[in-house]
Amino acid sequence: MSDVLLTIPEIDRRIAAIRENLRELIEQAAAFSGAADEERTSERIAEQEEELERLTKQRDELAKDKA
């Protein structure tokens, strides 16, 4: 993802979407069988978790700057 400056509401929307993606990926992981499916799902979960962490930090920094 790019380092475009986002507003706190925009970040919150993205965080909500990522959390929903994670929920769906975890459900898919429980339903899938086979090493290839599990590996790909694990990669997607890791990517979403990284993005969630990045956005959460960005939101926290913006909130701190506004305080």
N, C-alpha and C. Protein backbone atom coordinates (compact mmCIF):
# COMPACT_ATOMS: atom_id res chain seq x y z
N MET A 1 0.84 -1.19 0.00
CA MET A 1 0.00 0.00 0.00
C MET A 1 0.88 1.24 0.00
N SER A 2 0.39 2.28 -0.58
CA SER A 2 1.13 3.53 -0.62
C SER A 2 1.00 4.26 0.71
N ASP A 3 1.85 5.25 0.89
CA ASP A 3 1.84 6.03 2.12
C ASP A 3 1.01 7.29 1.95
N VAL A 4 -0.09 7.21 1.25
CA VAL A 4 -0.99 8.34 1.06
C VAL A 4 -1.58 8.69 2.41
N LEU A 5 -1.62 10.00 2.71
CA LEU A 5 -2.20 10.42 3.96
C LEU A 5 -3.71 10.26 3.91
N LEU A 6 -4.22 9.56 4.91
CA LEU A 6 -5.65 9.31 5.00
C LEU A 6 -6.19 10.00 6.24
N THR A 7 -7.48 10.23 6.24
CA THR A 7 -8.12 10.77 7.43
C THR A 7 -8.43 9.62 8.38
N ILE A 8 -8.68 9.95 9.63
CA ILE A 8 -9.00 8.91 10.60
C ILE A 8 -10.25 8.12 10.18
N PRO A 9 -11.33 8.78 9.72
CA PRO A 9 -12.49 7.99 9.27
C PRO A 9 -12.16 7.05 8.10
N GLU A 10 -11.31 7.50 7.18
CA GLU A 10 -10.91 6.62 6.06
C GLU A 10 -10.13 5.42 6.57
N ILE A 11 -9.23 5.68 7.51
CA ILE A 11 -8.46 4.58 8.09
C ILE A 11 -9.38 3.62 8.82
N ASP A 12 -10.33 4.16 9.58
CA ASP A 12 -11.28 3.31 10.31
C ASP A 12 -12.07 2.42 9.35
N ARG A 13 -12.49 2.96 8.20
CA ARG A 13 -13.21 2.17 7.20
C ARG A 13 -12.33 1.05 6.66
N ARG A 14 -11.08 1.37 6.39
CA ARG A 14 -10.16 0.35 5.88
C ARG A 14 -9.89 -0.73 6.93
N ILE A 15 -9.74 -0.32 8.18
CA ILE A 15 -9.53 -1.27 9.27
C ILE A 15 -10.73 -2.21 9.38
N ALA A 16 -11.93 -1.66 9.30
CA ALA A 16 -13.14 -2.49 9.37
C ALA A 16 -13.18 -3.49 8.22
N ALA A 17 -12.81 -3.03 7.03
CA ALA A 17 -12.81 -3.93 5.86
C ALA A 17 -11.78 -5.03 6.03
N ILE A 18 -10.62 -4.70 6.55
CA ILE A 18 -9.58 -5.71 6.75
C ILE A 18 -10.01 -6.71 7.80
N ARG A 19 -10.62 -6.23 8.87
CA ARG A 19 -11.11 -7.16 9.91
C ARG A 19 -12.15 -8.12 9.33
N GLU A 20 -13.02 -7.62 8.46
CA GLU A 20 -14.00 -8.48 7.81
C GLU A 20 -13.29 -9.48 6.89
N ASN A 21 -12.29 -9.02 6.15
CA ASN A 21 -11.52 -9.93 5.29
C ASN A 21 -10.87 -11.03 6.12
N LEU A 22 -10.30 -10.66 7.25
CA LEU A 22 -9.66 -11.65 8.12
C LEU A 22 -10.68 -12.67 8.62
N ARG A 23 -11.85 -12.19 9.03
CA ARG A 23 -12.89 -13.10 9.49
C ARG A 23 -13.25 -14.11 8.40
N GLU A 24 -13.42 -13.60 7.17
CA GLU A 24 -13.76 -14.48 6.05
C GLU A 24 -12.63 -15.45 5.73
N LEU A 25 -11.40 -14.98 5.77
CA LEU A 25 -10.26 -15.84 5.48
C LEU A 25 -10.13 -16.96 6.51
N ILE A 26 -10.38 -16.62 7.75
CA ILE A 26 -10.31 -17.64 8.80
C ILE A 26 -11.41 -18.68 8.60
N GLU A 27 -12.60 -18.24 8.22
CA GLU A 27 -13.67 -19.19 7.92
C GLU A 27 -13.30 -20.08 6.73
N GLN A 28 -12.69 -19.48 5.70
CA GLN A 28 -12.26 -20.25 4.54
C GLN A 28 -11.20 -21.26 4.93
N ALA A 29 -10.27 -20.84 5.78
CA ALA A 29 -9.19 -21.74 6.19
C ALA A 29 -9.75 -22.96 6.90
N ALA A 30 -10.80 -22.76 7.67
CA ALA A 30 -11.41 -23.88 8.38
C ALA A 30 -12.10 -24.84 7.40
N ALA A 31 -12.59 -24.31 6.28
CA ALA A 31 -13.32 -25.13 5.32
C ALA A 31 -12.40 -25.81 4.30
N PHE A 32 -11.26 -25.19 4.01
CA PHE A 32 -10.36 -25.73 2.99
C PHE A 32 -9.60 -26.94 3.49
N SER A 33 -9.22 -27.77 2.54
CA SER A 33 -8.30 -28.85 2.85
C SER A 33 -7.25 -28.88 1.75
N GLY A 34 -6.08 -29.31 2.09
CA GLY A 34 -5.00 -29.37 1.12
C GLY A 34 -3.95 -28.32 1.43
N ALA A 35 -2.71 -28.69 1.28
CA ALA A 35 -1.58 -27.84 1.65
C ALA A 35 -1.55 -26.54 0.84
N ALA A 36 -1.83 -26.60 -0.45
CA ALA A 36 -1.76 -25.41 -1.29
C ALA A 36 -2.81 -24.38 -0.85
N ASP A 37 -4.02 -24.84 -0.59
CA ASP A 37 -5.07 -23.93 -0.13
C ASP A 37 -4.71 -23.33 1.21
N GLU A 38 -4.22 -24.14 2.13
CA GLU A 38 -3.86 -23.67 3.46
C GLU A 38 -2.72 -22.66 3.40
N GLU A 39 -1.74 -22.92 2.55
CA GLU A 39 -0.61 -22.01 2.43
C GLU A 39 -1.05 -20.66 1.87
N ARG A 40 -1.85 -20.68 0.84
CA ARG A 40 -2.33 -19.43 0.23
C ARG A 40 -3.20 -18.65 1.22
N THR A 41 -4.06 -19.33 1.92
CA THR A 41 -4.91 -18.66 2.91
C THR A 41 -4.06 -18.07 4.02
N SER A 42 -3.06 -18.80 4.47
CA SER A 42 -2.16 -18.28 5.51
C SER A 42 -1.42 -17.04 5.03
N GLU A 43 -1.00 -17.03 3.78
CA GLU A 43 -0.33 -15.86 3.21
C GLU A 43 -1.27 -14.66 3.18
N ARG A 44 -2.50 -14.88 2.76
CA ARG A 44 -3.48 -13.80 2.69
C ARG A 44 -3.80 -13.26 4.09
N ILE A 45 -3.90 -14.14 5.07
CA ILE A 45 -4.15 -13.71 6.44
C ILE A 45 -2.98 -12.86 6.94
N ALA A 46 -1.76 -13.30 6.68
CA ALA A 46 -0.57 -12.55 7.11
C ALA A 46 -0.54 -11.17 6.45
N GLU A 47 -0.85 -11.10 5.17
CA GLU A 47 -0.88 -9.82 4.46
C GLU A 47 -1.91 -8.88 5.08
N GLN A 48 -3.09 -9.40 5.37
CA GLN A 48 -4.14 -8.58 5.96
C GLN A 48 -3.76 -8.12 7.36
N GLU A 49 -3.12 -8.99 8.14
CA GLU A 49 -2.69 -8.62 9.49
C GLU A 49 -1.64 -7.51 9.44
N GLU A 50 -0.72 -7.59 8.49
CA GLU A 50 0.30 -6.55 8.33
C GLU A 50 -0.34 -5.21 7.97
N GLU A 51 -1.30 -5.24 7.06
CA GLU A 51 -1.98 -4.01 6.66
C GLU A 51 -2.79 -3.44 7.83
N LEU A 52 -3.43 -4.31 8.59
CA LEU A 52 -4.18 -3.88 9.76
C LEU A 52 -3.26 -3.19 10.76
N GLU A 53 -2.10 -3.76 11.00
CA GLU A 53 -1.14 -3.17 11.93
C GLU A 53 -0.65 -1.81 11.42
N ARG A 54 -0.36 -1.72 10.11
CA ARG A 54 0.11 -0.47 9.53
C ARG A 54 -0.94 0.63 9.66
N LEU A 55 -2.18 0.29 9.34
CA LEU A 55 -3.26 1.28 9.41
C LEU A 55 -3.56 1.69 10.85
N THR A 56 -3.51 0.74 11.76
CA THR A 56 -3.74 1.06 13.16
C THR A 56 -2.69 2.03 13.68
N LYS A 57 -1.43 1.80 13.33
CA LYS A 57 -0.36 2.72 13.73
C LYS A 57 -0.57 4.10 13.12
N GLN A 58 -0.95 4.13 11.84
CA GLN A 58 -1.17 5.41 11.17
C GLN A 58 -2.32 6.17 11.84
N ARG A 59 -3.40 5.46 12.16
CA ARG A 59 -4.53 6.09 12.82
C ARG A 59 -4.13 6.63 14.19
N ASP A 60 -3.37 5.85 14.94
CA ASP A 60 -2.93 6.27 16.27
C ASP A 60 -2.05 7.52 16.20
N GLU A 61 -1.18 7.58 15.20
CA GLU A 61 -0.32 8.75 15.02
C GLU A 61 -1.14 9.99 14.67
N LEU A 62 -2.12 9.82 13.79
CA LEU A 62 -2.99 10.95 13.43
C LEU A 62 -3.79 11.44 14.63
N ALA A 63 -4.31 10.49 15.40
CA ALA A 63 -5.11 10.86 16.58
C ALA A 63 -4.22 11.60 17.60
N LYS A 64 -3.00 11.14 17.75
CA LYS A 64 -2.07 11.78 18.69
C LYS A 64 -1.74 13.20 18.24
N ASP A 65 -1.56 13.39 16.93
CA ASP A 65 -1.24 14.71 16.38
C ASP A 65 -2.40 15.69 16.57
N LYS A 66 -3.63 15.18 16.56
CA LYS A 66 -4.81 16.03 16.70
C LYS A 66 -5.09 16.38 18.16
N ALA A 67 -4.50 15.60 19.08
CA ALA A 67 -4.76 15.82 20.52
C ALA A 67 -4.02 17.04 21.05
